[in-house]
Amino acid sequence: LQLRHVDLLHATVSVEQQIQQTAKHGVYVCPP
């Protein structure tokens, strides 16, 4: 989650990405 995904005025969170971590690829951002 990044700040752009959180709308506190409308009380919602948009799920647009995730953080994954693997031994092969390290830490990376990818789609849900």
All heavy atoms as atom14 arrays in JSON, in Angstrom:
{
  "sequence": "LQLRHVDLLHATVSVEQQIQQTAKHGVYVCPP",
  "atom14_mask": [
    [1, 1, 1, 1, 1, 1, 1, 1, 0, 0, 0, 0, 0, 0],
    [1, 1, 1, 1, 1, 1, 1, 1, 1, 0, 0, 0, 0, 0],
    [1, 1, 1, 1, 1, 1, 1, 1, 0, 0, 0, 0, 0, 0],
    [1, 1, 1, 1, 1, 1, 1, 1, 1, 1, 1, 0, 0, 0],
    [1, 1, 1, 1, 1, 1, 1, 1, 1, 1, 0, 0, 0, 0],
    [1, 1, 1, 1, 1, 1, 1, 0, 0, 0, 0, 0, 0, 0],
    [1, 1, 1, 1, 1, 1, 1, 1, 0, 0, 0, 0, 0, 0],
    [1, 1, 1, 1, 1, 1, 1, 1, 0, 0, 0, 0, 0, 0],
    [1, 1, 1, 1, 1, 1, 1, 1, 0, 0, 0, 0, 0, 0],
    [1, 1, 1, 1, 1, 1, 1, 1, 1, 1, 0, 0, 0, 0],
    [1, 1, 1, 1, 1, 0, 0, 0, 0, 0, 0, 0, 0, 0],
    [1, 1, 1, 1, 1, 1, 1, 0, 0, 0, 0, 0, 0, 0],
    [1, 1, 1, 1, 1, 1, 1, 0, 0, 0, 0, 0, 0, 0],
    [1, 1, 1, 1, 1, 1, 0, 0, 0, 0, 0, 0, 0, 0],
    [1, 1, 1, 1, 1, 1, 1, 0, 0, 0, 0, 0, 0, 0],
    [1, 1, 1, 1, 1, 1, 1, 1, 1, 0, 0, 0, 0, 0],
    [1, 1, 1, 1, 1, 1, 1, 1, 1, 0, 0, 0, 0, 0],
    [1, 1, 1, 1, 1, 1, 1, 1, 1, 0, 0, 0, 0, 0],
    [1, 1, 1, 1, 1, 1, 1, 1, 0, 0, 0, 0, 0, 0],
    [1, 1, 1, 1, 1, 1, 1, 1, 1, 0, 0, 0, 0, 0],
    [1, 1, 1, 1, 1, 1, 1, 1, 1, 0, 0, 0, 0, 0],
    [1, 1, 1, 1, 1, 1, 1, 0, 0, 0, 0, 0, 0, 0],
    [1, 1, 1, 1, 1, 0, 0, 0, 0, 0, 0, 0, 0, 0],
    [1, 1, 1, 1, 1, 1, 1, 1, 1, 0, 0, 0, 0, 0],
    [1, 1, 1, 1, 1, 1, 1, 1, 1, 1, 0, 0, 0, 0],
    [1, 1, 1, 1, 0, 0, 0, 0, 0, 0, 0, 0, 0, 0],
    [1, 1, 1, 1, 1, 1, 1, 0, 0, 0, 0, 0, 0, 0],
    [1, 1, 1, 1, 1, 1, 1, 1, 1, 1, 1, 1, 0, 0],
    [1, 1, 1, 1, 1, 1, 1, 0, 0, 0, 0, 0, 0, 0],
    [1, 1, 1, 1, 1, 1, 0, 0, 0, 0, 0, 0, 0, 0],
    [1, 1, 1, 1, 1, 1, 1, 0, 0, 0, 0, 0, 0, 0],
    [1, 1, 1, 1, 1, 1, 1, 0, 0, 0, 0, 0, 0, 0]
  ],
  "atom14_positions": [
    [[0.82, -1.21, 0.0], [0.0, 0.0, 0.0], [0.86, 1.26, 0.0], [1.78, 1.4, 0.8], [-0.93, 0.03, 1.21], [-2.08, -0.97, 1.19], [-2.85, -0.9, 2.5], [-3.01, -0.71, 0.01], [0.0, 0.0, 0.0], [0.0, 0.0, 0.0], [0.0, 0.0, 0.0], [0.0, 0.0, 0.0], [0.0, 0.0, 0.0], [0.0, 0.0, 0.0]],
    [[0.5, 2.15, -0.9], [1.1, 3.49, -0.93], [0.0, 4.49, -0.6], [-1.2, 4.17, -0.67], [1.7, 3.76, -2.31], [2.88, 2.85, -2.62], [3.39, 3.04, -4.02], [2.66, 2.8, -4.98], [4.64, 3.47, -4.15], [0.0, 0.0, 0.0], [0.0, 0.0, 0.0], [0.0, 0.0, 0.0], [0.0, 0.0, 0.0], [0.0, 0.0, 0.0]],
    [[0.4, 5.7, -0.26], [-0.57, 6.72, 0.16], [-1.66, 6.9, -0.9], [-2.83, 7.08, -0.56], [0.13, 8.04, 0.44], [-0.72, 9.13, 1.06], [-1.35, 8.67, 2.37], [0.09, 10.39, 1.27], [0.0, 0.0, 0.0], [0.0, 0.0, 0.0], [0.0, 0.0, 0.0], [0.0, 0.0, 0.0], [0.0, 0.0, 0.0], [0.0, 0.0, 0.0]],
    [[-1.31, 6.8, -2.17], [-2.29, 6.98, -3.25], [-3.4, 5.92, -3.24], [-4.44, 6.1, -3.86], [-1.58, 6.99, -4.61], [-0.93, 5.67, -4.96], [-0.05, 5.8, -6.22], [0.7, 4.6, -6.46], [0.31, 3.64, -7.29], [-0.83, 3.75, -7.93], [1.07, 2.57, -7.46], [0.0, 0.0, 0.0], [0.0, 0.0, 0.0], [0.0, 0.0, 0.0]],
    [[-3.21, 4.83, -2.54], [-4.2, 3.75, -2.49], [-5.22, 3.93, -1.36], [-6.2, 3.19, -1.32], [-3.51, 2.39, -2.29], [-2.56, 2.05, -3.38], [-1.26, 1.67, -3.13], [-2.71, 2.05, -4.73], [-0.66, 1.44, -4.28], [-1.51, 1.66, -5.26], [0.0, 0.0, 0.0], [0.0, 0.0, 0.0], [0.0, 0.0, 0.0], [0.0, 0.0, 0.0]],
    [[-4.96, 4.86, -0.47], [-5.81, 5.02, 0.71], [-6.63, 6.29, 0.58], [-6.1, 7.38, 0.38], [-4.95, 5.07, 2.0], [-5.82, 5.28, 3.22], [-4.12, 3.81, 2.13], [0.0, 0.0, 0.0], [0.0, 0.0, 0.0], [0.0, 0.0, 0.0], [0.0, 0.0, 0.0], [0.0, 0.0, 0.0], [0.0, 0.0, 0.0], [0.0, 0.0, 0.0]],
    [[-7.96, 6.16, 0.69], [-8.87, 7.3, 0.65], [-9.63, 7.32, 1.97], [-10.67, 6.66, 2.12], [-9.82, 7.16, -0.54], [-10.77, 8.34, -0.69], [-10.89, 9.17, 0.25], [-11.42, 8.43, -1.74], [0.0, 0.0, 0.0], [0.0, 0.0, 0.0], [0.0, 0.0, 0.0], [0.0, 0.0, 0.0], [0.0, 0.0, 0.0], [0.0, 0.0, 0.0]],
    [[-9.1, 8.07, 2.93], [-9.73, 8.1, 4.26], [-11.04, 8.88, 4.24], [-11.93, 8.6, 5.03], [-8.75, 8.67, 5.29], [-7.5, 7.81, 5.52], [-6.58, 8.48, 6.53], [-7.88, 6.41, 5.97], [0.0, 0.0, 0.0], [0.0, 0.0, 0.0], [0.0, 0.0, 0.0], [0.0, 0.0, 0.0], [0.0, 0.0, 0.0], [0.0, 0.0, 0.0]],
    [[-11.17, 9.86, 3.34], [-12.41, 10.63, 3.24], [-13.58, 9.72, 2.86], [-14.67, 9.83, 3.42], [-12.25, 11.76, 2.22], [-13.46, 12.66, 2.03], [-13.78, 13.41, 3.33], [-13.22, 13.64, 0.9], [0.0, 0.0, 0.0], [0.0, 0.0, 0.0], [0.0, 0.0, 0.0], [0.0, 0.0, 0.0], [0.0, 0.0, 0.0], [0.0, 0.0, 0.0]],
    [[-13.34, 8.79, 1.94], [-14.38, 7.86, 1.51], [-14.25, 6.48, 2.17], [-15.0, 5.56, 1.83], [-14.36, 7.72, -0.02], [-14.7, 9.01, -0.7], [-13.74, 9.82, -1.26], [-15.88, 9.63, -0.87], [-14.33, 10.89, -1.76], [-15.63, 10.8, -1.54], [0.0, 0.0, 0.0], [0.0, 0.0, 0.0], [0.0, 0.0, 0.0], [0.0, 0.0, 0.0]],
    [[-13.31, 6.35, 3.08], [-13.09, 5.13, 3.86], [-12.91, 3.89, 2.97], [-13.61, 2.88, 3.11], [-14.22, 4.92, 4.87], [0.0, 0.0, 0.0], [0.0, 0.0, 0.0], [0.0, 0.0, 0.0], [0.0, 0.0, 0.0], [0.0, 0.0, 0.0], [0.0, 0.0, 0.0], [0.0, 0.0, 0.0], [0.0, 0.0, 0.0], [0.0, 0.0, 0.0]],
    [[-11.93, 3.99, 2.05], [-11.63, 2.86, 1.17], [-10.13, 2.71, 0.98], [-9.36, 3.64, 1.17], [-12.27, 3.02, -0.22], [-11.74, 4.2, -0.85], [-13.79, 3.08, -0.15], [0.0, 0.0, 0.0], [0.0, 0.0, 0.0], [0.0, 0.0, 0.0], [0.0, 0.0, 0.0], [0.0, 0.0, 0.0], [0.0, 0.0, 0.0], [0.0, 0.0, 0.0]],
    [[-9.75, 1.5, 0.59], [-8.38, 1.19, 0.19], [-8.47, 0.49, -1.15], [-9.27, -0.44, -1.32], [-7.68, 0.28, 1.23], [-6.37, -0.26, 0.69], [-7.43, 1.02, 2.52], [0.0, 0.0, 0.0], [0.0, 0.0, 0.0], [0.0, 0.0, 0.0], [0.0, 0.0, 0.0], [0.0, 0.0, 0.0], [0.0, 0.0, 0.0], [0.0, 0.0, 0.0]],
    [[-7.64, 0.91, -2.11], [-7.59, 0.27, -3.42], [-6.42, -0.7, -3.46], [-5.28, -0.3, -3.18], [-7.42, 1.31, -4.52], [-8.52, 2.18, -4.56], [0.0, 0.0, 0.0], [0.0, 0.0, 0.0], [0.0, 0.0, 0.0], [0.0, 0.0, 0.0], [0.0, 0.0, 0.0], [0.0, 0.0, 0.0], [0.0, 0.0, 0.0], [0.0, 0.0, 0.0]],
    [[-6.7, -1.94, -3.8], [-5.65, -2.95, -3.93], [-5.24, -2.98, -5.4], [-6.03, -3.4, -6.25], [-6.12, -4.34, -3.46], [-5.03, -5.37, -3.64], [-6.57, -4.27, -2.01], [0.0, 0.0, 0.0], [0.0, 0.0, 0.0], [0.0, 0.0, 0.0], [0.0, 0.0, 0.0], [0.0, 0.0, 0.0], [0.0, 0.0, 0.0], [0.0, 0.0, 0.0]],
    [[-4.04, -2.48, -5.68], [-3.54, -2.39, -7.06], [-2.21, -3.09, -7.24], [-1.76, -3.28, -8.37], [-3.4, -0.91, -7.46], [-4.7, -0.15, -7.4], [-4.53, 1.33, -7.69], [-3.42, 1.75, -8.12], [-5.49, 2.07, -7.48], [0.0, 0.0, 0.0], [0.0, 0.0, 0.0], [0.0, 0.0, 0.0], [0.0, 0.0, 0.0], [0.0, 0.0, 0.0]],
    [[-1.55, -3.43, -6.13], [-0.23, -4.05, -6.21], [0.06, -4.77, -4.9], [-0.69, -4.64, -3.94], [0.85, -3.0, -6.47], [0.97, -1.98, -5.35], [1.88, -0.81, -5.7], [2.06, -0.49, -6.87], [2.44, -0.19, -4.7], [0.0, 0.0, 0.0], [0.0, 0.0, 0.0], [0.0, 0.0, 0.0], [0.0, 0.0, 0.0], [0.0, 0.0, 0.0]],
    [[1.13, -5.51, -4.9], [1.58, -6.17, -3.68], [3.1, -6.19, -3.67], [3.75, -6.02, -4.7], [1.01, -7.58, -3.57], [1.46, -8.52, -4.67], [0.91, -9.92, -4.47], [0.74, -10.37, -3.34], [0.67, -10.62, -5.54], [0.0, 0.0, 0.0], [0.0, 0.0, 0.0], [0.0, 0.0, 0.0], [0.0, 0.0, 0.0], [0.0, 0.0, 0.0]],
    [[3.65, -6.41, -2.48], [5.1, -6.59, -2.32], [5.33, -8.08, -2.11], [4.66, -8.71, -1.29], [5.63, -5.83, -1.08], [5.44, -4.33, -1.24], [7.07, -6.19, -0.79], [6.41, -3.66, -2.16], [0.0, 0.0, 0.0], [0.0, 0.0, 0.0], [0.0, 0.0, 0.0], [0.0, 0.0, 0.0], [0.0, 0.0, 0.0], [0.0, 0.0, 0.0]],
    [[6.26, -8.62, -2.86], [6.64, -10.01, -2.7], [8.14, -10.09, -2.42], [8.89, -9.17, -2.76], [6.29, -10.83, -3.95], [4.8, -11.03, -4.13], [4.2, -11.85, -3.01], [4.7, -12.9, -2.64], [3.1, -11.36, -2.44], [0.0, 0.0, 0.0], [0.0, 0.0, 0.0], [0.0, 0.0, 0.0], [0.0, 0.0, 0.0], [0.0, 0.0, 0.0]],
    [[8.55, -11.18, -1.84], [9.96, -11.4, -1.52], [10.28, -12.86, -1.77], [9.63, -13.74, -1.21], [10.22, -11.03, -0.06], [11.65, -11.2, 0.36], [11.85, -10.85, 1.83], [10.93, -10.92, 2.62], [13.05, -10.47, 2.16], [0.0, 0.0, 0.0], [0.0, 0.0, 0.0], [0.0, 0.0, 0.0], [0.0, 0.0, 0.0], [0.0, 0.0, 0.0]],
    [[11.26, -13.11, -2.63], [11.7, -14.47, -2.89], [13.22, -14.5, -2.87], [13.88, -13.47, -3.08], [11.2, -15.01, -4.25], [11.81, -14.25, -5.29], [9.69, -14.97, -4.36], [0.0, 0.0, 0.0], [0.0, 0.0, 0.0], [0.0, 0.0, 0.0], [0.0, 0.0, 0.0], [0.0, 0.0, 0.0], [0.0, 0.0, 0.0], [0.0, 0.0, 0.0]],
    [[13.78, -15.66, -2.64], [15.23, -15.79, -2.65], [15.79, -15.47, -4.04], [16.85, -14.85, -4.17], [15.62, -17.21, -2.23], [0.0, 0.0, 0.0], [0.0, 0.0, 0.0], [0.0, 0.0, 0.0], [0.0, 0.0, 0.0], [0.0, 0.0, 0.0], [0.0, 0.0, 0.0], [0.0, 0.0, 0.0], [0.0, 0.0, 0.0], [0.0, 0.0, 0.0]],
    [[15.07, -15.85, -5.07], [15.55, -15.65, -6.44], [15.46, -14.2, -6.9], [16.37, -13.68, -7.54], [14.76, -16.54, -7.4], [15.22, -16.48, -8.83], [14.44, -17.46, -9.69], [14.91, -17.39, -11.14], [14.17, -18.31, -11.98], [0.0, 0.0, 0.0], [0.0, 0.0, 0.0], [0.0, 0.0, 0.0], [0.0, 0.0, 0.0], [0.0, 0.0, 0.0]],
    [[14.35, -13.53, -6.57], [14.11, -12.18, -7.08], [14.26, -11.07, -6.04], [14.14, -9.9, -6.37], [12.7, -12.09, -7.69], [12.49, -13.03, -8.83], [13.08, -12.85, -10.05], [11.76, -14.16, -8.93], [12.72, -13.83, -10.86], [11.92, -14.65, -10.2], [0.0, 0.0, 0.0], [0.0, 0.0, 0.0], [0.0, 0.0, 0.0], [0.0, 0.0, 0.0]],
    [[14.47, -11.4, -4.79], [14.55, -10.38, -3.75], [13.19, -9.78, -3.49], [12.16, -10.44, -3.63], [0.0, 0.0, 0.0], [0.0, 0.0, 0.0], [0.0, 0.0, 0.0], [0.0, 0.0, 0.0], [0.0, 0.0, 0.0], [0.0, 0.0, 0.0], [0.0, 0.0, 0.0], [0.0, 0.0, 0.0], [0.0, 0.0, 0.0], [0.0, 0.0, 0.0]],
    [[13.15, -8.5, -3.15], [11.91, -7.77, -2.86], [11.48, -7.06, -4.13], [12.28, -6.37, -4.76], [12.12, -6.76, -1.72], [10.86, -5.93, -1.5], [12.52, -7.47, -0.43], [0.0, 0.0, 0.0], [0.0, 0.0, 0.0], [0.0, 0.0, 0.0], [0.0, 0.0, 0.0], [0.0, 0.0, 0.0], [0.0, 0.0, 0.0], [0.0, 0.0, 0.0]],
    [[10.2, -7.22, -4.5], [9.72, -6.56, -5.71], [8.23, -6.26, -5.6], [7.5, -6.88, -4.83], [10.02, -7.39, -6.95], [9.37, -8.76, -6.97], [8.18, -8.97, -7.67], [9.93, -9.83, -6.3], [7.59, -10.22, -7.68], [9.34, -11.08, -6.3], [8.17, -11.27, -7.0], [7.57, -12.51, -7.0], [0.0, 0.0, 0.0], [0.0, 0.0, 0.0]],
    [[7.79, -5.29, -6.39], [6.38, -4.91, -6.47], [5.8, -5.62, -7.68], [6.41, -5.65, -8.75], [6.23, -3.38, -6.64], [4.77, -2.99, -6.79], [6.87, -2.64, -5.47], [0.0, 0.0, 0.0], [0.0, 0.0, 0.0], [0.0, 0.0, 0.0], [0.0, 0.0, 0.0], [0.0, 0.0, 0.0], [0.0, 0.0, 0.0], [0.0, 0.0, 0.0]],
    [[4.62, -6.2, -7.51], [3.97, -6.91, -8.6], [2.46, -6.74, -8.49], [1.95, -6.25, -7.48], [4.36, -8.39, -8.59], [3.91, -9.28, -7.1], [0.0, 0.0, 0.0], [0.0, 0.0, 0.0], [0.0, 0.0, 0.0], [0.0, 0.0, 0.0], [0.0, 0.0, 0.0], [0.0, 0.0, 0.0], [0.0, 0.0, 0.0], [0.0, 0.0, 0.0]],
    [[1.72, -7.15, -9.53], [0.26, -7.06, -9.46], [-0.28, -7.97, -8.36], [0.4, -8.91, -7.93], [-0.2, -7.55, -10.83], [1.0, -7.53, -11.7], [2.19, -7.67, -10.8], [0.0, 0.0, 0.0], [0.0, 0.0, 0.0], [0.0, 0.0, 0.0], [0.0, 0.0, 0.0], [0.0, 0.0, 0.0], [0.0, 0.0, 0.0], [0.0, 0.0, 0.0]],
    [[-1.51, -7.73, -7.94], [-2.13, -8.64, -6.98], [-2.2, -10.06, -7.53], [-2.02, -10.3, -8.73], [-3.54, -8.06, -6.79], [-3.4, -6.63, -7.14], [-2.37, -6.6, -8.24], [0.0, 0.0, 0.0], [0.0, 0.0, 0.0], [0.0, 0.0, 0.0], [0.0, 0.0, 0.0], [0.0, 0.0, 0.0], [0.0, 0.0, 0.0], [0.0, 0.0, 0.0]]
  ]
}
